[in-house]
Protein backbone atom coordinates (compact mmCIF):
# COMPACT_ATOMS: atom_id res chain seq x y z
CA MET A 1 133.84 105.36 79.28
CA ARG A 2 133.33 103.78 82.81
CA ARG A 3 133.21 99.87 83.36
CA THR A 4 130.47 99.00 85.79
CA GLY A 5 130.92 96.34 88.24
CA THR A 6 133.87 95.35 90.40
CA ALA A 7 135.66 92.47 88.64
CA PRO A 8 136.94 94.10 85.27
CA GLY A 9 138.49 91.64 82.88
CA ARG A 10 138.31 89.69 79.62
CA ALA A 11 135.63 87.65 78.64
CA THR A 12 136.12 83.92 77.99
CA ALA A 13 137.34 83.18 74.47
CA GLY A 14 134.43 82.57 72.47
CA SER A 15 131.70 83.42 74.99
CA PRO A 16 129.17 86.14 74.09
CA VAL A 17 129.93 89.50 75.21
CA ARG A 18 127.20 90.84 77.36
CA ARG A 19 126.15 94.42 76.47
CA HIS A 20 123.26 96.44 76.11
CA HIS A 21 121.24 95.94 72.82
CA LEU A 22 120.38 98.36 70.23
CA THR A 23 117.92 98.59 67.43
CA VAL A 24 119.09 99.27 63.77
CA GLY A 25 117.97 102.72 64.05
CA GLU A 26 119.95 103.41 67.15
CA ALA A 27 122.94 101.94 66.13
CA LEU A 28 122.69 104.10 62.88
CA ALA A 29 122.13 107.21 65.00
CA SER A 30 125.03 106.60 67.44
CA LEU A 31 127.48 106.43 64.57
CA ALA A 32 126.77 110.20 64.15
CA ASP A 33 126.79 111.13 67.89
CA ASP A 34 130.61 111.54 68.38
CA PRO A 35 132.79 111.96 65.43
CA ARG A 36 135.82 110.99 67.51
CA TRP A 37 134.31 107.60 68.05
CA TRP A 38 135.28 106.58 64.40
CA ILE A 39 139.13 107.11 65.44
CA ARG A 40 138.83 105.76 68.95
CA GLU A 41 137.19 102.55 67.71
CA TRP A 42 139.17 102.12 64.75
CA ASN A 43 139.85 98.41 64.33
CA TRP A 44 143.42 97.58 63.65
CA LYS A 45 142.57 93.96 63.52
CA ALA A 46 140.11 94.40 60.78
CA ALA A 47 142.68 96.53 58.83
CA ALA A 48 145.40 93.97 59.31
CA THR A 49 143.63 90.79 58.42
CA SER A 50 141.57 92.64 55.48
CA SER A 51 144.60 94.05 53.77
CA ILE A 52 146.15 90.53 53.61
CA SER A 53 142.83 88.73 52.52
CA ARG A 54 141.59 91.42 50.15
CA GLY A 55 145.17 92.01 48.72
CA LEU A 56 145.43 88.13 48.03
CA LEU A 57 142.09 88.30 46.38
CA PHE A 58 142.91 91.10 43.98
CA PHE A 59 146.08 89.47 43.20
CA CYS A 60 144.65 86.31 42.38
CA VAL A 61 141.86 87.67 40.12
CA ASN A 62 144.39 89.89 38.12
CA LEU A 63 146.82 87.12 37.68
CA THR A 64 144.82 86.75 34.26
CA ALA A 65 146.24 90.20 33.17
CA GLY A 66 149.89 89.03 33.94
CA TRP A 67 152.41 89.37 36.79
CA ALA A 68 152.60 92.99 36.84
CA ALA A 69 148.98 93.72 36.76
CA ALA A 70 148.36 91.15 39.69
CA ARG A 71 151.06 92.89 41.79
CA ALA A 72 149.75 96.55 41.29
CA ALA A 73 146.27 95.38 42.31
CA LEU A 74 147.51 93.65 45.32
CA LEU A 75 149.57 96.63 46.49
CA THR A 76 146.75 99.15 45.59
CA GLU A 77 144.19 96.81 47.63
CA CYS A 78 146.45 96.38 50.58
CA VAL A 79 146.91 100.10 50.92
CA LEU A 80 143.39 101.02 50.54
CA ARG A 81 142.39 98.33 53.14
CA ALA A 82 144.86 99.21 55.61
CA VAL A 83 143.61 102.93 55.80
CA THR A 84 139.74 102.16 55.48
CA SER A 85 139.14 98.55 56.97
CA GLY A 86 139.77 99.88 60.31
CA PHE A 87 136.47 102.00 60.05
CA TYR A 88 134.56 99.50 58.32
CA GLY A 89 135.60 97.12 61.29
CA ALA A 90 134.50 99.45 63.95
CA LEU A 91 131.12 99.72 62.17
CA THR A 92 130.71 96.24 62.19
CA ALA A 93 131.64 95.93 65.83
CA ARG A 94 128.98 98.42 66.57
CA PHE A 95 126.29 96.27 64.86
CA ARG A 96 127.05 93.33 66.98
CA HIS A 97 125.24 94.94 69.57
CA VAL A 98 121.97 95.28 67.70
CA ARG A 99 119.01 92.80 68.02
CA PRO A 100 117.44 91.07 66.44
CA ALA A 101 120.70 89.53 65.06
CA TRP A 102 119.10 89.05 61.48
CA ALA A 103 118.56 92.75 61.31
CA ALA A 104 122.14 93.55 62.23
CA THR A 105 123.41 90.95 59.53
CA ALA A 106 121.21 92.37 56.73
CA THR A 107 121.74 96.02 57.44
CA ALA A 108 125.53 95.65 57.67
CA GLY A 109 125.54 93.20 54.66
CA LEU A 110 123.98 96.17 52.71
CA LEU A 111 125.53 99.08 54.23
CA LEU A 112 129.21 97.83 54.21
CA PRO A 113 129.23 96.78 50.46
CA LEU A 114 127.74 100.08 49.52
CA LEU A 115 130.51 102.12 51.56
CA SER A 116 133.54 100.10 51.05
CA HIS A 117 133.26 99.03 47.42
CA SER A 118 132.07 102.60 46.32
CA VAL A 119 135.51 103.64 47.50
CA GLU A 120 137.29 100.45 46.14
CA LEU A 121 135.81 100.67 42.57
CA LEU A 122 136.75 104.51 42.49
CA VAL A 123 140.39 103.75 43.68
CA HIS A 124 141.13 100.90 41.65
CA TRP A 125 139.44 102.65 38.40
CA GLN A 126 141.76 105.58 38.92
CA ARG A 127 144.67 103.18 39.52
CA GLY A 128 143.82 101.30 36.39
CA THR A 129 143.46 97.63 37.59
CA ASP A 130 143.15 95.56 34.77
CA ALA A 131 140.52 93.02 35.87
CA LEU A 132 138.54 95.87 37.44
CA ALA A 133 134.84 94.14 37.12
CA ALA A 134 135.91 90.87 38.29
CA SER A 135 137.79 92.01 41.07
CA ILE A 136 134.80 94.10 42.32
CA VAL A 137 132.28 91.28 41.82
CA ALA A 138 134.66 88.91 43.80
CA SER A 139 135.21 91.71 46.75
CA VAL A 140 131.72 92.23 46.85
CA ALA A 141 130.83 88.45 47.43
CA PHE A 142 133.63 88.40 49.78
CA THR A 143 132.10 91.15 51.77
CA VAL A 144 128.71 89.64 51.98
CA LEU A 145 130.02 86.56 53.47
CA SER A 146 132.60 88.09 55.77
CA THR A 147 130.22 90.56 57.18
CA ALA A 148 127.90 87.63 58.50
CA VAL A 149 131.14 85.83 59.81
CA ASN A 150 132.76 88.90 61.46
CA LEU A 151 129.33 89.77 63.16
CA HIS A 152 129.31 86.28 64.51
CA LEU A 153 132.82 86.78 65.59
CA MET A 154 132.54 89.93 67.32
CA ARG A 155 129.41 88.98 69.33
CA HIS A 156 131.81 86.64 71.19
CA GLY A 157 134.42 89.19 71.45
CA VAL A 158 136.87 88.16 68.86
CA LEU A 159 138.59 90.58 66.32
CA ILE A 160 137.45 93.73 68.68
CA VAL A 161 139.35 96.33 70.02
CA GLY A 162 139.10 98.12 73.48
CA ASP A 163 137.31 97.04 76.29
CA GLY A 164 136.74 93.29 76.23
CA SER A 165 139.24 92.46 73.79
CA GLN A 166 141.99 90.00 73.46
CA SER A 167 145.07 89.55 71.47
CA LEU A 168 144.83 88.94 68.00
CA ARG A 169 146.83 85.55 68.43
CA ASP A 170 144.16 84.68 71.07
CA ASP A 171 141.55 85.60 68.38
CA LEU A 172 143.05 83.47 65.83
CA ARG A 173 143.23 80.48 68.39
CA THR A 174 139.35 81.00 68.90
CA LEU A 175 138.53 81.17 65.10
CA PRO A 176 138.09 77.28 64.60
CA LEU A 177 135.55 76.81 67.25
CA LEU A 178 133.42 79.76 66.18
CA ALA A 179 133.76 78.89 62.72
CA ARG A 180 132.15 75.49 63.32
CA ARG A 181 129.40 77.14 65.34
CA PHE A 182 128.74 79.41 62.61
CA ILE A 183 128.55 76.72 60.03
CA GLY A 184 126.38 74.81 62.08
CA GLY A 185 124.02 77.53 62.83
CA THR A 186 124.08 77.37 66.57
CA ALA A 187 125.94 79.41 69.26
CA GLY A 188 126.17 76.53 71.44
CA PRO A 189 126.58 76.47 75.37
CA HIS A 190 129.08 78.94 76.59
CA PRO A 191 130.61 79.71 79.99
CA THR A 192 129.67 82.98 81.57
CA PRO A 193 132.33 85.71 80.90
CA PRO A 194 134.14 87.09 83.99
CA GLN A 195 133.50 90.69 83.09
CA ALA A 196 130.63 92.64 83.94
CA ALA A 197 128.34 94.14 81.42
CA THR A 198 129.80 97.04 79.94
CA PRO A 199 127.70 100.11 78.77
CA ILE A 200 127.87 101.27 75.12
CA PRO A 201 129.58 104.56 74.56
C-alpha cells in the first residue's frame, strides 16, 4: 500500500484518522477481495485485550460452579480469543471507515456477535463449560457494547494496527479522553493529524 503525501507519520493521539469513506456494502465486499487481508490486518491489540477481558468475564460467571470450572472457562476463552479476536478486530477496524457512522455501528453490532459467538458457543459447548448459557449471554452483551466503543476508538486511530497506528501504551493513555467523549456523545474538537490521507487497501 502506498502512502500519499510527503509527510508520513502518526496521527495525533485521540484525533480522527482521515481516510476515504465506505458504504456498508463496499466494506462488506472489500472483505472478500483479498483473503490475505485477514492475515495482514490481524489485530494483535484486539487479540491481547479481548483475551484478558473475555477470560475474566467467563471466569467470574463460572465461579458459581466452583474454582475448577471457572479456571477451565477462563483458559478456554483466553485461547479462543487469542486466536480469533485478531480477525474480529480487523473487521471492526474496516468498519471504522463506513459512513454514516450509525450504519457502521449497527452492522458491526449485528455481524460480530453472529460470527464470534457462534464459534464461542460451539467451543465452550464442546469443552463442557458449566455456566454456558449465562456465559454466552454476558459475552454477547459485552460484545454489543464493546463494538460500539471500539469503533469510536478506532475512528480516532486507537487500537488499530499498521499505518497510522501507535503503540499499545499510547493507546491506553488515550483511552480516558476518548471514553469521556464517547459517554458524552460528542467527538469534541481535535487537532489536525500530521499524516496525509491514506487510501484504503
